[in-house]
Amino acid sequence: MYKKLESYCLRKKGAVSTYPFGPSAQVFKVGGKMFALLVEENGMPAISLKCDPVIAENLREQNKAIRPGYHLNKQHWNTVTVDGSIPQSELYAMMDHSYELVLKGMTKAARSAIEDRLV
């Protein structure tokens, strides 16, 4: 599943993969801003994603695999343990939401430069 998550992140327009925190934490950025952090915990992937604070709290209440972002702003980030309890489509929707929030926070010029890319 790790490779599927990695591949999904990299399919986002303008997405790049970096390792600023060492070889065990893969960070996905768009326009220089992080939208996902992928690690392996106890043999399972865990992905940290940006999230609207109200939605973040609701997600945490609904699923114990979702917790406040580990080493991140707990109001705006969730860490999701990918243990099979969350359907892949919902996980991808959370990843999309994170990417879109990061794009939305950029200047119009930066956002246009990314959105106008062919790939």
Protein backbone atom coordinates (compact mmCIF):
# COMPACT_ATOMS: atom_id res chain seq x y z
CA MET A 1 0.00 0.00 0.00
CA TYR A 2 2.96 2.32 0.62
CA LYS A 3 3.78 2.35 -3.10
CA LYS A 4 0.13 3.07 -4.01
CA LEU A 5 0.09 6.07 -1.67
CA GLU A 6 3.42 7.29 -3.02
CA SER A 7 2.22 6.92 -6.61
CA TYR A 8 -1.06 8.72 -5.89
CA CYS A 9 0.74 11.68 -4.33
CA LEU A 10 3.18 11.94 -7.23
CA ARG A 11 0.34 11.98 -9.79
CA LYS A 12 -0.75 15.36 -8.44
CA LYS A 13 0.15 18.26 -10.71
CA GLY A 14 3.48 19.78 -9.63
CA ALA A 15 4.06 17.23 -6.84
CA VAL A 16 7.60 16.35 -5.85
CA SER A 17 9.02 13.90 -3.33
CA THR A 18 11.69 14.94 -0.82
CA TYR A 19 13.33 13.54 2.32
CA PRO A 20 14.05 16.61 4.51
CA PHE A 21 13.64 14.65 7.77
CA GLY A 22 15.82 11.67 6.83
CA PRO A 23 15.40 8.53 4.73
CA SER A 24 12.39 7.15 6.60
CA ALA A 25 10.03 10.10 6.10
CA GLN A 26 8.97 10.84 2.52
CA VAL A 27 7.53 14.34 2.13
CA PHE A 28 5.36 15.33 -0.82
CA LYS A 29 5.28 18.99 -1.77
CA VAL A 30 3.61 21.20 -4.30
CA GLY A 31 4.99 24.67 -4.92
CA GLY A 32 7.46 24.11 -2.09
CA LYS A 33 4.68 23.41 0.45
CA MET A 34 4.11 20.04 2.10
CA PHE A 35 0.77 18.30 1.50
CA ALA A 36 1.65 14.78 2.69
CA LEU A 37 4.21 13.00 4.82
CA LEU A 38 4.52 9.24 4.39
CA VAL A 39 6.26 6.91 6.84
CA GLU A 40 6.09 3.31 7.91
CA GLU A 41 5.02 2.58 11.49
CA ASN A 42 5.05 -0.97 12.87
CA GLY A 43 5.07 -2.40 9.36
CA MET A 44 2.13 -0.28 8.17
CA PRO A 45 2.12 2.95 6.19
CA ALA A 46 1.07 6.10 8.00
CA ILE A 47 0.35 9.29 6.10
CA SER A 48 0.01 12.78 7.55
CA LEU A 49 -2.34 15.05 5.63
CA LYS A 50 -3.43 18.65 5.93
CA CYS A 51 -7.12 19.01 6.74
CA ASP A 52 -9.74 21.64 7.48
CA PRO A 53 -9.83 21.82 11.32
CA VAL A 54 -13.55 20.99 11.62
CA ILE A 55 -13.27 18.06 9.23
CA ALA A 56 -10.08 16.90 10.96
CA GLU A 57 -11.83 16.67 14.32
CA ASN A 58 -14.80 14.81 12.82
CA LEU A 59 -12.53 12.30 11.09
CA ARG A 60 -10.68 11.61 14.36
CA GLU A 61 -13.95 10.99 16.17
CA GLN A 62 -15.16 8.59 13.48
CA ASN A 63 -12.06 6.41 13.11
CA LYS A 64 -9.36 5.44 15.59
CA ALA A 65 -6.87 5.02 12.72
CA ILE A 66 -6.96 8.83 12.36
CA ARG A 67 -5.20 10.89 15.01
CA PRO A 68 -3.81 14.41 15.37
CA GLY A 69 -0.80 15.01 13.15
CA TYR A 70 2.38 13.53 14.62
CA HIS A 71 4.95 16.32 15.07
CA LEU A 72 2.68 18.69 13.10
CA ASN A 73 0.11 21.38 13.88
CA LYS A 74 -2.57 19.18 15.42
CA GLN A 75 -5.35 21.56 14.46
CA HIS A 76 -4.58 21.37 10.74
CA TRP A 77 -2.98 17.93 10.27
CA ASN A 78 -4.10 14.34 10.74
CA THR A 79 -1.95 11.23 10.72
CA VAL A 80 -3.74 8.22 9.26
CA THR A 81 -2.54 4.69 9.99
CA VAL A 82 -3.23 2.74 6.82
CA ASP A 83 -4.43 -0.48 8.44
CA GLY A 84 -7.28 -1.32 6.07
CA SER A 85 -9.99 0.19 8.27
CA ILE A 86 -10.43 3.17 5.94
CA PRO A 87 -11.56 2.46 2.36
CA GLN A 88 -8.97 3.40 -0.25
CA SER A 89 -11.42 5.84 -1.88
CA GLU A 90 -11.80 7.75 1.42
CA LEU A 91 -8.05 7.79 1.92
CA TYR A 92 -7.56 9.19 -1.58
CA ALA A 93 -10.26 11.82 -0.88
CA MET A 94 -8.32 12.92 2.22
CA MET A 95 -5.16 13.14 0.11
CA ASP A 96 -7.00 15.22 -2.50
CA HIS A 97 -8.33 17.53 0.23
CA SER A 98 -4.82 18.05 1.61
CA TYR A 99 -3.39 18.86 -1.82
CA GLU A 100 -6.25 21.26 -2.59
CA LEU A 101 -5.85 23.07 0.76
CA VAL A 102 -2.16 23.64 0.06
CA LEU A 103 -2.91 24.93 -3.46
CA LYS A 104 -5.62 27.20 -2.08
CA GLY A 105 -3.10 28.75 0.34
CA MET A 106 -0.75 29.81 -2.45
CA THR A 107 -0.68 33.08 -4.30
CA LYS A 108 -2.74 33.21 -7.46
CA ALA A 109 0.43 33.36 -9.57
CA ALA A 110 1.97 30.31 -7.87
CA ARG A 111 -1.29 28.36 -8.15
CA SER A 112 -1.66 29.27 -11.84
CA ALA A 113 1.91 28.16 -12.57
CA ILE A 114 1.11 24.73 -11.13
CA GLU A 115 -2.39 24.40 -12.60
CA ASP A 116 -1.19 25.42 -16.08
CA ARG A 117 1.36 22.61 -16.23
CA LEU A 118 0.62 19.87 -18.73
CA VAL A 119 1.76 17.12 -16.36
